[in-house]
Amino acid sequence: MKLLRFEADGQPVIGVVSGDGIVRMADLLPEFVEMRQLAAAGPEALARLADKLATAQPTVALEGVKLLAPIERPGHFMALGMNYKKHAEEGVRLGVMPPRFQVWFNKATNCVSPPHADIDPGVTKQLDYEVELGFVIGKAARYVSPEEAPGHIFGYFVANDVSARDWQLHANTWTIGKSFETFGPIGPWIVTPDEIGDPHKLELRCYVNGELRQKSNTSDMIYSIWEQIEYLSTAFELEPGDLYLTGTPEGVGHAMIPQMHLKPGDVVRCEIENIGAIENQVIESRAKRFPDLEESRIQKLLSSEPV
C-alpha cells in the first residue's frame, strides 16, 4: 500500500492510494488520525487496512492534490553518511576520510518538508542534493539483530538529503549543514514492505533541470538496512514513526569538476524504483542575515596562547 498525508479543506489528512484516487483513512480505519499511530499499531493494523481497502472506493482524486510530508516532526530524523563506495571515494577526494564505522548524523526534525516543497538555500553558498532511500520504523527496535530487522520497518520513502556543504564541512559534525529549514523533503508517500520486495535491489536516480546527476542501485550500499537497524538499536530505541535515510550514491554536485552547486530556479527530482518521485525547486534565499564563516574564534584563541 501507498500511505500518504495530504491537505483537504486546509487540514492534514491521511489516506491510502487506490488507483488514480485516494481513500481517506477516516473511511477505512477511523481510529487512526496520524501516520505515527498507524506505524505503532503493527502489521495487524496494516492487514485490516488492506482488507478494508480491497472494497473501498476512492473519494479524492490523486491528481492535483497537495501532498504533505507523510510523517511530520518524527521523534528521530537521522541519515547515514558515505554508505555507497563511489560516494565515499568522492568524499576522500574532498578531504573527508572514510569512517571506521557507520557514521550517522541528525537532521533537525523540523526540516522535514513535503515532497514538492520549495528548497530555501538560507545562508549557504554551496547548496547540494542527495537522493536517498528512507525507511520508517514500525515496531519499536532495541538490540535488534539483522535477521530481526525487517520486522521493524513500517515502510519506505524517497528523500532528498539537501545539504549546505560549506556549513556541513566547516565543522566536525554535519548536523547544522544538513538541517536548514526545507532541507528534508520526503515522500511522495510511504510504501509498505510488501510492495517493495528486496529494498537492496532498487534503482535510484537524481535529476537537476532534467539532467541525470545520480544513478545507482541500493545493492551498492556498504551497510545494509538490516545492519543499520542493528547498529542504531544497539545505542538507543528506534521508535514508531522515526525516519532514517540510508545514504546517497556518487554524483553529488559538490564532488563534480567543476563543482555544480544548486542555484535559485533549479529543479531537483529524486526517484526510486517501486516508490515514486519527489521534485523540489530551489528559490531565492529568504535569509535575513549571512554570518561570516571565515572567522574561527577557537583557532584565534588557541593561536594567541603562549607555547
Protein backbone atom coordinates (compact mmCIF):
# COMPACT_ATOMS: atom_id res chain seq x y z
CA MET A 1 0.00 0.00 0.00
CA LYS A 2 0.94 3.62 -0.52
CA LEU A 3 0.16 5.62 2.62
CA LEU A 4 0.11 9.39 2.38
CA ARG A 5 -0.75 12.68 4.04
CA PHE A 6 -2.50 15.36 2.04
CA GLU A 7 -4.32 18.62 2.54
CA ALA A 8 -8.12 18.69 2.49
CA ASP A 9 -10.08 21.82 3.38
CA GLY A 10 -6.89 23.31 4.77
CA GLN A 11 -6.27 20.41 7.17
CA PRO A 12 -3.80 17.49 7.07
CA VAL A 13 -5.47 14.14 6.35
CA ILE A 14 -4.03 10.65 5.98
CA GLY A 15 -5.16 8.15 3.40
CA VAL A 16 -4.24 5.34 1.03
CA VAL A 17 -3.66 5.49 -2.72
CA SER A 18 -6.16 3.44 -4.72
CA GLY A 19 -5.69 3.56 -8.49
CA ASP A 20 -5.73 7.22 -9.51
CA GLY A 21 -7.51 8.26 -6.33
CA ILE A 22 -7.21 8.37 -2.55
CA VAL A 23 -9.30 6.67 0.11
CA ARG A 24 -9.35 8.65 3.33
CA MET A 25 -8.24 6.80 6.44
CA ALA A 26 -11.44 8.02 8.10
CA ASP A 27 -13.36 5.78 5.69
CA LEU A 28 -11.17 2.76 6.42
CA LEU A 29 -9.82 2.73 9.97
CA PRO A 30 -11.08 5.97 11.54
CA GLU A 31 -9.24 5.37 14.81
CA PHE A 32 -6.00 6.38 13.06
CA VAL A 33 -5.69 10.12 12.50
CA GLU A 34 -1.88 10.35 12.40
CA MET A 35 0.59 8.23 10.45
CA ARG A 36 2.67 7.54 13.54
CA GLN A 37 -0.35 5.94 15.21
CA LEU A 38 -0.69 3.55 12.29
CA ALA A 39 3.05 2.80 12.33
CA ALA A 40 2.86 1.92 16.03
CA ALA A 41 -0.18 -0.33 15.55
CA GLY A 42 1.85 -3.03 13.83
CA PRO A 43 1.25 -5.47 10.96
CA GLU A 44 -2.19 -6.46 12.24
CA ALA A 45 -3.45 -2.93 11.60
CA LEU A 46 -1.94 -2.94 8.11
CA ALA A 47 -3.63 -6.26 7.38
CA ARG A 48 -7.00 -4.84 8.47
CA LEU A 49 -6.35 -1.75 6.37
CA ALA A 50 -5.61 -3.85 3.29
CA ASP A 51 -8.85 -5.79 3.77
CA LYS A 52 -10.88 -2.59 4.04
CA LEU A 53 -9.11 -1.05 1.05
CA ALA A 54 -10.00 -4.01 -1.18
CA THR A 55 -13.67 -2.98 -1.26
CA ALA A 56 -13.36 0.78 -0.75
CA GLN A 57 -13.90 3.44 -3.38
CA PRO A 58 -11.61 6.49 -3.63
CA THR A 59 -13.26 9.80 -2.81
CA VAL A 60 -10.36 12.13 -3.64
CA ALA A 61 -8.58 12.44 -6.99
CA LEU A 62 -4.83 11.94 -6.67
CA GLU A 63 -4.07 14.39 -9.47
CA GLY A 64 -3.82 17.92 -8.21
CA VAL A 65 -3.94 17.06 -4.52
CA LYS A 66 -1.47 18.87 -2.26
CA LEU A 67 0.77 16.19 -0.78
CA LEU A 68 2.29 16.72 2.65
CA ALA A 69 5.26 15.01 4.25
CA PRO A 70 3.96 11.52 5.10
CA ILE A 71 5.26 11.95 8.66
CA GLU A 72 5.85 15.34 10.28
CA ARG A 73 8.07 16.06 13.29
CA PRO A 74 9.35 12.49 13.81
CA GLY A 75 10.99 11.53 17.07
CA HIS A 76 14.25 10.88 15.21
CA PHE A 77 15.33 12.05 11.77
CA MET A 78 18.80 10.70 11.02
CA ALA A 79 20.93 9.89 7.99
CA LEU A 80 23.89 7.65 7.24
CA GLY A 81 26.91 9.21 5.57
CA MET A 82 29.23 7.67 2.99
CA ASN A 83 27.29 4.41 2.62
CA TYR A 84 27.97 3.92 -1.11
CA LYS A 85 31.54 3.05 -2.14
CA LYS A 86 31.82 5.52 -5.02
CA HIS A 87 30.33 8.32 -2.94
CA ALA A 88 32.86 7.54 -0.21
CA GLU A 89 35.58 7.87 -2.88
CA GLU A 90 34.14 11.29 -3.76
CA GLY A 91 34.49 12.24 -0.11
CA VAL A 92 38.13 11.20 0.01
CA ARG A 93 38.87 13.46 -2.98
CA LEU A 94 37.32 16.31 -0.99
CA GLY A 95 39.39 15.55 2.10
CA VAL A 96 36.71 13.64 4.02
CA MET A 97 38.32 10.44 5.17
CA PRO A 98 36.21 7.26 5.24
CA PRO A 99 34.97 6.37 8.73
CA ARG A 100 35.86 3.15 10.51
CA PHE A 101 32.24 2.51 11.41
CA GLN A 102 28.79 3.67 10.35
CA VAL A 103 28.66 7.47 10.56
CA TRP A 104 25.20 8.74 11.48
CA PHE A 105 24.13 12.34 11.89
CA ASN A 106 20.95 14.06 12.95
CA LYS A 107 18.77 16.18 10.74
CA ALA A 108 16.55 18.61 12.62
CA THR A 109 13.06 17.16 12.78
CA ASN A 110 11.54 20.47 11.70
CA CYS A 111 13.45 20.41 8.40
CA VAL A 112 11.11 17.64 7.18
CA SER A 113 9.15 19.08 4.27
CA PRO A 114 6.58 17.95 1.67
CA PRO A 115 7.58 16.07 -1.49
CA HIS A 116 7.05 19.08 -3.75
CA ALA A 117 8.00 21.90 -1.38
CA ASP A 118 10.48 24.62 -2.36
CA ILE A 119 14.06 24.44 -1.13
CA ASP A 120 15.28 27.62 0.58
CA PRO A 121 19.11 27.85 0.42
CA GLY A 122 19.22 30.01 3.53
CA VAL A 123 22.77 31.23 4.13
CA THR A 124 24.66 28.54 2.22
CA LYS A 125 26.74 29.30 -0.84
CA GLN A 126 27.16 25.58 -1.59
CA LEU A 127 23.69 24.04 -1.84
CA ASP A 128 23.69 20.37 -2.85
CA TYR A 129 21.35 17.42 -3.47
CA GLU A 130 21.41 13.77 -2.36
CA VAL A 131 18.84 11.19 -3.45
CA GLU A 132 18.32 8.63 -0.67
CA LEU A 133 16.12 5.70 0.25
CA GLY A 134 14.44 6.31 3.58
CA PHE A 135 12.69 3.92 5.92
CA VAL A 136 10.12 4.40 8.67
CA ILE A 137 10.19 2.42 11.88
CA GLY A 138 7.04 0.49 12.77
CA LYS A 139 7.61 -1.82 15.71
CA ALA A 140 10.00 -0.28 18.26
CA ALA A 141 13.53 -1.66 17.94
CA ARG A 142 16.15 -2.17 20.67
CA TYR A 143 19.10 -4.59 20.46
CA VAL A 144 17.79 -5.96 17.18
CA SER A 145 19.74 -8.47 15.08
CA PRO A 146 19.97 -8.14 11.28
CA GLU A 147 17.70 -11.17 10.96
CA GLU A 148 15.03 -9.47 13.09
CA ALA A 149 15.36 -6.03 11.48
CA PRO A 150 12.85 -6.44 8.60
CA GLY A 151 10.04 -6.92 11.11
CA HIS A 152 10.59 -3.42 12.47
CA ILE A 153 10.07 -1.49 9.23
CA PHE A 154 6.75 0.23 8.56
CA GLY A 155 7.63 1.34 5.04
CA TYR A 156 9.94 3.18 2.65
CA PHE A 157 10.04 6.61 1.02
CA VAL A 158 12.13 8.83 -1.26
CA ALA A 159 14.23 11.57 0.32
CA ASN A 160 16.49 14.39 -0.78
CA ASP A 161 19.11 14.91 1.92
CA VAL A 162 19.61 18.56 0.95
CA SER A 163 22.99 19.80 2.16
CA ALA A 164 24.77 23.08 2.80
CA ARG A 165 28.29 21.87 2.05
CA ASP A 166 30.07 24.93 3.47
CA TRP A 167 28.19 24.64 6.76
CA GLN A 168 28.43 20.84 6.76
CA LEU A 169 32.17 20.61 6.23
CA HIS A 170 33.43 23.51 8.33
CA ALA A 171 32.53 21.58 11.49
CA ASN A 172 33.28 18.12 12.86
CA THR A 173 29.57 17.30 12.94
CA TRP A 174 27.36 17.52 9.87
CA THR A 175 24.08 18.27 11.65
CA ILE A 176 23.92 22.04 11.08
CA GLY A 177 24.71 21.80 7.36
CA LYS A 178 22.03 19.14 6.95
CA SER A 179 19.28 20.81 8.97
CA PHE A 180 18.37 24.13 7.37
CA GLU A 181 14.64 24.68 7.04
CA THR A 182 13.28 22.83 3.95
CA PHE A 183 16.37 20.53 3.80
CA GLY A 184 14.33 17.35 4.33
CA PRO A 185 11.82 16.84 1.52
CA ILE A 186 10.39 13.31 1.73
CA GLY A 187 7.61 11.28 0.13
CA PRO A 188 5.67 11.19 -2.01
CA TRP A 189 4.18 8.56 0.32
CA ILE A 190 5.22 5.63 2.46
CA VAL A 191 5.22 2.31 0.61
CA THR A 192 4.69 -0.78 2.73
CA PRO A 193 7.36 -3.51 2.54
CA ASP A 194 5.11 -5.99 0.71
CA GLU A 195 5.12 -3.71 -2.36
CA ILE A 196 8.88 -3.07 -2.27
CA GLY A 197 10.33 -6.54 -2.45
CA ASP A 198 14.03 -6.52 -1.63
CA PRO A 199 14.93 -2.93 -0.60
CA HIS A 200 18.52 -3.68 -1.52
CA LYS A 201 17.67 -4.05 -5.23
CA LEU A 202 16.13 -0.66 -6.04
CA GLU A 203 17.36 1.75 -8.70
CA LEU A 204 17.62 5.36 -7.59
CA ARG A 205 18.19 8.48 -9.67
CA CYS A 206 18.50 12.22 -9.23
CA TYR A 207 17.98 14.83 -11.94
CA VAL A 208 18.76 18.55 -11.88
CA ASN A 209 16.82 20.50 -14.50
CA GLY A 210 16.28 17.23 -16.36
CA GLU A 211 19.98 16.30 -16.38
CA LEU A 212 20.79 12.94 -14.79
CA ARG A 213 23.26 13.54 -11.94
CA GLN A 214 22.98 10.41 -9.80
CA LYS A 215 22.18 6.87 -10.89
CA SER A 216 22.83 3.82 -8.76
CA ASN A 217 21.22 0.86 -7.05
CA THR A 218 20.68 0.19 -3.37
CA SER A 219 22.61 -3.05 -3.90
CA ASP A 220 25.71 -0.82 -3.80
CA MET A 221 25.18 0.08 -0.14
CA ILE A 222 28.15 -0.67 2.11
CA TYR A 223 25.97 -1.33 5.16
CA SER A 224 22.61 -2.99 4.54
CA ILE A 225 19.41 -1.60 6.03
CA TRP A 226 19.33 -4.57 8.41
CA GLU A 227 22.87 -3.76 9.60
CA GLN A 228 21.88 -0.12 10.02
CA ILE A 229 18.98 -1.05 12.29
CA GLU A 230 21.21 -3.40 14.27
CA TYR A 231 23.81 -0.65 14.78
CA LEU A 232 21.36 2.09 15.75
CA SER A 233 19.24 -0.09 18.02
CA THR A 234 22.35 -1.03 19.98
CA ALA A 235 22.67 2.62 21.02
CA PHE A 236 19.03 3.65 21.56
CA GLU A 237 15.45 2.60 20.91
CA LEU A 238 14.11 3.21 17.42
CA GLU A 239 10.52 4.35 17.86
CA PRO A 240 7.44 4.10 15.63
CA GLY A 241 7.44 6.88 13.05
CA ASP A 242 11.20 7.54 13.24
CA LEU A 243 12.76 8.41 9.88
CA TYR A 244 16.16 7.12 8.74
CA LEU A 245 17.99 7.83 5.47
CA THR A 246 20.31 5.15 4.15
CA GLY A 247 22.96 7.12 2.25
CA THR A 248 23.44 8.63 -1.19
CA PRO A 249 25.38 7.35 -4.21
CA GLU A 250 28.01 9.17 -6.25
CA GLY A 251 27.22 12.20 -8.38
CA VAL A 252 26.65 14.99 -5.87
CA GLY A 253 27.28 18.49 -7.18
CA HIS A 254 29.98 19.32 -4.64
CA ALA A 255 32.18 16.49 -5.96
CA MET A 256 31.86 17.39 -9.64
CA ILE A 257 34.68 19.10 -11.54
CA PRO A 258 33.91 21.95 -11.65
CA GLN A 259 31.57 21.91 -8.68
CA MET A 260 27.89 22.22 -9.61
CA HIS A 261 26.01 23.59 -6.62
CA LEU A 262 22.30 24.29 -6.85
CA LYS A 263 21.08 27.81 -7.55
CA PRO A 264 17.68 29.54 -7.46
CA GLY A 265 15.42 28.25 -10.21
CA ASP A 266 16.96 24.77 -10.30
CA VAL A 267 14.55 21.84 -10.09
CA VAL A 268 15.71 18.64 -8.37
CA ARG A 269 13.88 15.37 -9.00
CA CYS A 270 14.67 12.26 -6.93
CA GLU A 271 13.26 8.89 -8.00
CA ILE A 272 13.39 5.41 -6.50
CA GLU A 273 12.10 2.26 -8.15
CA ASN A 274 8.82 0.87 -6.74
CA ILE A 275 8.25 4.01 -4.66
CA GLY A 276 7.93 7.11 -6.83
CA ALA A 277 9.47 10.56 -7.09
CA ILE A 278 9.73 13.86 -5.28
CA GLU A 279 10.50 17.13 -7.04
CA ASN A 280 11.61 20.40 -5.48
CA GLN A 281 12.54 23.81 -6.84
CA VAL A 282 15.26 25.99 -5.35
CA ILE A 283 14.05 29.50 -4.53
CA GLU A 284 15.82 32.74 -3.70
CA SER A 285 17.14 32.74 -0.15
CA ARG A 286 14.84 34.16 2.49
CA ALA A 287 17.74 34.57 4.94
CA LYS A 288 17.87 37.88 6.78
CA ARG A 289 21.47 37.57 7.99
CA PHE A 290 24.58 35.99 6.49
CA PRO A 291 27.19 35.34 9.21
CA ASP A 292 30.86 35.15 8.30
CA LEU A 293 32.11 31.56 8.32
CA GLU A 294 35.74 32.55 7.80
CA GLU A 295 36.30 33.59 11.42
CA SER A 296 37.24 30.89 13.91
CA ARG A 297 37.25 32.24 17.45
CA ILE A 298 38.60 28.97 18.87
CA GLN A 299 41.56 28.92 16.48
CA LYS A 300 42.36 32.56 17.22
CA LEU A 301 42.24 31.99 20.96
CA LEU A 302 44.47 28.93 20.74
CA SER A 303 46.98 30.61 18.44
CA SER A 304 47.30 33.55 20.84
CA GLU A 305 48.22 31.34 23.79
CA PRO A 306 51.94 31.18 24.65
CA VAL A 307 53.62 27.88 23.95
